[in-house]
Amino acid sequence: MFGVSSRWADIAFNPGIGVVLAATAVPVVRGLAALQTGLARALPTTSAAQRTR
């Protein structure tokens, strides 16, 4: 993938990527949930405020 033709590099690369993805999965999911919550709270408030004007 990066121009390295070593079998051991391939073997180390795949679990390395898996560890990085596993380590960042929880913060990414929490961040996306917080983003969805923020949008869910902001959008109805904005729509209601525009209707009352």
PDB file of N, CA and C in Angstrom:
ATOM      1  N   MET A   1       0.819  -1.195   0.000  1.00  0.00           N
ATOM      2  CA  MET A   1       0.000   0.000   0.000  1.00  0.00           C
ATOM      3  C   MET A   1       0.863   1.259   0.000  1.00  0.00           C
ATOM      4  N   PHE A   2       1.919   1.263   0.780  1.00  0.00           N
ATOM      5  CA  PHE A   2       2.798   2.418   0.851  1.00  0.00           C
ATOM      6  C   PHE A   2       4.129   2.150   0.167  1.00  0.00           C
ATOM      7  N   GLY A   3       4.151   1.208  -0.717  1.00  0.00           N
ATOM      8  CA  GLY A   3       5.370   0.888  -1.435  1.00  0.00           C
ATOM      9  C   GLY A   3       6.265  -0.086  -0.688  1.00  0.00           C
ATOM     10  N   VAL A   4       5.803  -0.625   0.422  1.00  0.00           N
ATOM     11  CA  VAL A   4       6.579  -1.600   1.179  1.00  0.00           C
ATOM     12  C   VAL A   4       6.077  -2.980   0.785  1.00  0.00           C
ATOM     13  N   SER A   5       6.992  -3.831   0.361  1.00  0.00           N
ATOM     14  CA  SER A   5       6.576  -5.152  -0.121  1.00  0.00           C
ATOM     15  C   SER A   5       6.936  -6.249   0.871  1.00  0.00           C
ATOM     16  N   SER A   6       6.952  -5.931   2.129  1.00  0.00           N
ATOM     17  CA  SER A   6       7.290  -6.900   3.150  1.00  0.00           C
ATOM     18  C   SER A   6       6.020  -7.557   3.695  1.00  0.00           C
ATOM     19  N   ARG A   7       6.080  -8.855   3.856  1.00  0.00           N
ATOM     20  CA  ARG A   7       4.930  -9.567   4.405  1.00  0.00           C
ATOM     21  C   ARG A   7       4.686  -9.142   5.848  1.00  0.00           C
ATOM     22  N   TRP A   8       5.753  -8.951   6.613  1.00  0.00           N
ATOM     23  CA  TRP A   8       5.612  -8.553   8.020  1.00  0.00           C
ATOM     24  C   TRP A   8       5.044  -7.147   8.149  1.00  0.00           C
ATOM     25  N   ALA A   9       5.341  -6.296   7.212  1.00  0.00           N
ATOM     26  CA  ALA A   9       4.762  -4.954   7.235  1.00  0.00           C
ATOM     27  C   ALA A   9       3.250  -5.036   7.016  1.00  0.00           C
ATOM     28  N   ASP A  10       2.827  -5.901   6.120  1.00  0.00           N
ATOM     29  CA  ASP A  10       1.394  -6.096   5.897  1.00  0.00           C
ATOM     30  C   ASP A  10       0.719  -6.674   7.142  1.00  0.00           C
ATOM     31  N   ILE A  11       1.377  -7.628   7.770  1.00  0.00           N
ATOM     32  CA  ILE A  11       0.816  -8.261   8.959  1.00  0.00           C
ATOM     33  C   ILE A  11       0.712  -7.249  10.104  1.00  0.00           C
ATOM     34  N   ALA A  12       1.675  -6.369  10.243  1.00  0.00           N
ATOM     35  CA  ALA A  12       1.648  -5.372  11.316  1.00  0.00           C
ATOM     36  C   ALA A  12       0.706  -4.222  10.992  1.00  0.00           C
ATOM     37  N   PHE A  13       0.565  -3.894   9.723  1.00  0.00           N
ATOM     38  CA  PHE A  13      -0.258  -2.755   9.324  1.00  0.00           C
ATOM     39  C   PHE A  13      -1.736  -2.988   9.620  1.00  0.00           C
ATOM     40  N   ASN A  14      -2.255  -4.129   9.265  1.00  0.00           N
ATOM     41  CA  ASN A  14      -3.683  -4.398   9.444  1.00  0.00           C
ATOM     42  C   ASN A  14      -4.112  -4.374  10.916  1.00  0.00           C
ATOM     43  N   PRO A  15      -3.436  -5.071  11.813  1.00  0.00           N
ATOM     44  CA  PRO A  15      -3.825  -4.948  13.224  1.00  0.00           C
ATOM     45  C   PRO A  15      -3.584  -3.540  13.773  1.00  0.00           C
ATOM     46  N   GLY A  16      -2.583  -2.862  13.258  1.00  0.00           N
ATOM     47  CA  GLY A  16      -2.332  -1.484  13.700  1.00  0.00           C
ATOM     48  C   GLY A  16      -3.502  -0.575  13.376  1.00  0.00           C
ATOM     49  N   ILE A  17      -4.012  -0.704  12.170  1.00  0.00           N
ATOM     50  CA  ILE A  17      -5.190   0.087  11.787  1.00  0.00           C
ATOM     51  C   ILE A  17      -6.391  -0.324  12.632  1.00  0.00           C
ATOM     52  N   GLY A  18      -6.540  -1.606  12.902  1.00  0.00           N
ATOM     53  CA  GLY A  18      -7.640  -2.085  13.735  1.00  0.00           C
ATOM     54  C   GLY A  18      -7.573  -1.521  15.145  1.00  0.00           C
ATOM     55  N   VAL A  19      -6.390  -1.442  15.715  1.00  0.00           N
ATOM     56  CA  VAL A  19      -6.227  -0.886  17.062  1.00  0.00           C
ATOM     57  C   VAL A  19      -6.583   0.591  17.073  1.00  0.00           C
ATOM     58  N   VAL A  20      -6.151   1.327  16.058  1.00  0.00           N
ATOM     59  CA  VAL A  20      -6.465   2.761  15.984  1.00  0.00           C
ATOM     60  C   VAL A  20      -7.974   2.963  15.851  1.00  0.00           C
ATOM     61  N   LEU A  21      -8.620   2.188  14.997  1.00  0.00           N
ATOM     62  CA  LEU A  21     -10.065   2.320  14.827  1.00  0.00           C
ATOM     63  C   LEU A  21     -10.817   1.922  16.094  1.00  0.00           C
ATOM     64  N   ALA A  22     -10.372   0.878  16.763  1.00  0.00           N
ATOM     65  CA  ALA A  22     -11.029   0.457  17.998  1.00  0.00           C
ATOM     66  C   ALA A  22     -10.841   1.490  19.099  1.00  0.00           C
ATOM     67  N   ALA A  23      -9.674   2.108  19.157  1.00  0.00           N
ATOM     68  CA  ALA A  23      -9.399   3.101  20.197  1.00  0.00           C
ATOM     69  C   ALA A  23     -10.183   4.386  19.978  1.00  0.00           C
ATOM     70  N   THR A  24     -10.477   4.725  18.745  1.00  0.00           N
ATOM     71  CA  THR A  24     -11.181   5.976  18.465  1.00  0.00           C
ATOM     72  C   THR A  24     -12.681   5.785  18.254  1.00  0.00           C
ATOM     73  N   ALA A  25     -13.165   4.555  18.273  1.00  0.00           N
ATOM     74  CA  ALA A  25     -14.586   4.314  18.003  1.00  0.00           C
ATOM     75  C   ALA A  25     -15.487   4.948  19.058  1.00  0.00           C
ATOM     76  N   VAL A  26     -15.158   4.781  20.325  1.00  0.00           N
ATOM     77  CA  VAL A  26     -16.014   5.307  21.397  1.00  0.00           C
ATOM     78  C   VAL A  26     -16.074   6.839  21.363  1.00  0.00           C
ATOM     79  N   PRO A  27     -14.937   7.554  21.275  1.00  0.00           N
ATOM     80  CA  PRO A  27     -15.041   9.015  21.204  1.00  0.00           C
ATOM     81  C   PRO A  27     -15.780   9.511  19.957  1.00  0.00           C
ATOM     82  N   VAL A  28     -15.608   8.838  18.848  1.00  0.00           N
ATOM     83  CA  VAL A  28     -16.286   9.255  17.619  1.00  0.00           C
ATOM     84  C   VAL A  28     -17.796   9.057  17.758  1.00  0.00           C
ATOM     85  N   VAL A  29     -18.215   7.934  18.300  1.00  0.00           N
ATOM     86  CA  VAL A  29     -19.651   7.676  18.474  1.00  0.00           C
ATOM     87  C   VAL A  29     -20.244   8.661  19.477  1.00  0.00           C
ATOM     88  N   ARG A  30     -19.534   8.935  20.562  1.00  0.00           N
ATOM     89  CA  ARG A  30     -20.027   9.915  21.542  1.00  0.00           C
ATOM     90  C   ARG A  30     -20.129  11.304  20.931  1.00  0.00           C
ATOM     91  N   GLY A  31     -19.154  11.675  20.130  1.00  0.00           N
ATOM     92  CA  GLY A  31     -19.199  12.978  19.465  1.00  0.00           C
ATOM     93  C   GLY A  31     -20.356  13.086  18.493  1.00  0.00           C
ATOM     94  N   LEU A  32     -20.594  12.038  17.726  1.00  0.00           N
ATOM     95  CA  LEU A  32     -21.720  12.051  16.791  1.00  0.00           C
ATOM     96  C   LEU A  32     -23.056  12.084  17.528  1.00  0.00           C
ATOM     97  N   ALA A  33     -23.145  11.382  18.645  1.00  0.00           N
ATOM     98  CA  ALA A  33     -24.377  11.415  19.436  1.00  0.00           C
ATOM     99  C   ALA A  33     -24.603  12.810  20.016  1.00  0.00           C
ATOM    100  N   ALA A  34     -23.536  13.456  20.475  1.00  0.00           N
ATOM    101  CA  ALA A  34     -23.662  14.815  20.996  1.00  0.00           C
ATOM    102  C   ALA A  34     -24.070  15.787  19.891  1.00  0.00           C
ATOM    103  N   LEU A  35     -23.529  15.605  18.701  1.00  0.00           N
ATOM    104  CA  LEU A  35     -23.898  16.442  17.568  1.00  0.00           C
ATOM    105  C   LEU A  35     -25.376  16.267  17.228  1.00  0.00           C
ATOM    106  N   GLN A  36     -25.843  15.036  17.206  1.00  0.00           N
ATOM    107  CA  GLN A  36     -27.249  14.772  16.906  1.00  0.00           C
ATOM    108  C   GLN A  36     -28.148  15.370  17.984  1.00  0.00           C
ATOM    109  N   THR A  37     -27.744  15.252  19.237  1.00  0.00           N
ATOM    110  CA  THR A  37     -28.530  15.823  20.334  1.00  0.00           C
ATOM    111  C   THR A  37     -28.596  17.333  20.224  1.00  0.00           C
ATOM    112  N   GLY A  38     -27.471  17.950  19.913  1.00  0.00           N
ATOM    113  CA  GLY A  38     -27.453  19.402  19.754  1.00  0.00           C
ATOM    114  C   GLY A  38     -28.340  19.872  18.619  1.00  0.00           C
ATOM    115  N   LEU A  39     -28.292  19.160  17.515  1.00  0.00           N
ATOM    116  CA  LEU A  39     -29.151  19.523  16.384  1.00  0.00           C
ATOM    117  C   LEU A  39     -30.618  19.292  16.708  1.00  0.00           C
ATOM    118  N   ALA A  40     -30.907  18.214  17.418  1.00  0.00           N
ATOM    119  CA  ALA A  40     -32.298  17.926  17.770  1.00  0.00           C
ATOM    120  C   ALA A  40     -32.858  18.982  18.710  1.00  0.00           C
ATOM    121  N   ARG A  41     -32.018  19.551  19.553  1.00  0.00           N
ATOM    122  CA  ARG A  41     -32.476  20.597  20.463  1.00  0.00           C
ATOM    123  C   ARG A  41     -32.568  21.943  19.759  1.00  0.00           C
ATOM    124  N   ALA A  42     -31.669  22.207  18.835  1.00  0.00           N
ATOM    125  CA  ALA A  42     -31.612  23.524  18.195  1.00  0.00           C
ATOM    126  C   ALA A  42     -32.659  23.698  17.101  1.00  0.00           C
ATOM    127  N   LEU A  43     -32.901  22.684  16.325  1.00  0.00           N
ATOM    128  CA  LEU A  43     -33.787  22.835  15.177  1.00  0.00           C
ATOM    129  C   LEU A  43     -35.240  23.114  15.551  1.00  0.00           C
ATOM    130  N   PRO A  44     -35.861  22.386  16.475  1.00  0.00           N
ATOM    131  CA  PRO A  44     -37.244  22.721  16.830  1.00  0.00           C
ATOM    132  C   PRO A  44     -37.360  24.109  17.461  1.00  0.00           C
ATOM    133  N   THR A  45     -36.364  24.508  18.239  1.00  0.00           N
ATOM    134  CA  THR A  45     -36.378  25.828  18.864  1.00  0.00           C
ATOM    135  C   THR A  45     -36.332  26.909  17.799  1.00  0.00           C
ATOM    136  N   THR A  46     -35.494  26.726  16.791  1.00  0.00           N
ATOM    137  CA  THR A  46     -35.377  27.705  15.722  1.00  0.00           C
ATOM    138  C   THR A  46     -36.673  27.780  14.919  1.00  0.00           C
ATOM    139  N   SER A  47     -37.275  26.650  14.627  1.00  0.00           N
ATOM    140  CA  SER A  47     -38.525  26.638  13.862  1.00  0.00           C
ATOM    141  C   SER A  47     -39.653  27.301  14.642  1.00  0.00           C
ATOM    142  N   ALA A  48     -39.747  27.037  15.928  1.00  0.00           N
ATOM    143  CA  ALA A  48     -40.788  27.631  16.760  1.00  0.00           C
ATOM    144  C   ALA A  48     -40.592  29.144  16.884  1.00  0.00           C
ATOM    145  N   ALA A  49     -39.353  29.571  16.972  1.00  0.00           N
ATOM    146  CA  ALA A  49     -39.068  31.000  17.087  1.00  0.00           C
ATOM    147  C   ALA A  49     -39.436  31.723  15.796  1.00  0.00           C
ATOM    148  N   GLN A  50     -39.266  31.114  14.653  1.00  0.00           N
ATOM    149  CA  GLN A  50     -39.595  31.743  13.387  1.00  0.00           C
ATOM    150  C   GLN A  50     -41.113  31.829  13.193  1.00  0.00           C
ATOM    151  N   ARG A  51     -41.849  30.853  13.707  1.00  0.00           N
ATOM    152  CA  ARG A  51     -43.302  30.879  13.559  1.00  0.00           C
ATOM    153  C   ARG A  51     -43.958  31.956  14.412  1.00  0.00           C
ATOM    154  N   THR A  52     -43.335  32.267  15.539  1.00  0.00           N
ATOM    155  CA  THR A  52     -43.946  33.263  16.424  1.00  0.00           C
ATOM    156  C   THR A  52     -43.685  34.687  15.963  1.00  0.00           C
ATOM    157  N   ARG A  53     -42.799  34.875  15.038  1.00  0.00           N
ATOM    158  CA  ARG A  53     -42.485  36.239  14.564  1.00  0.00           C
ATOM    159  C   ARG A  53     -43.500  36.753  13.623  1.00  0.00           C
TER     160      ARG A  53
END
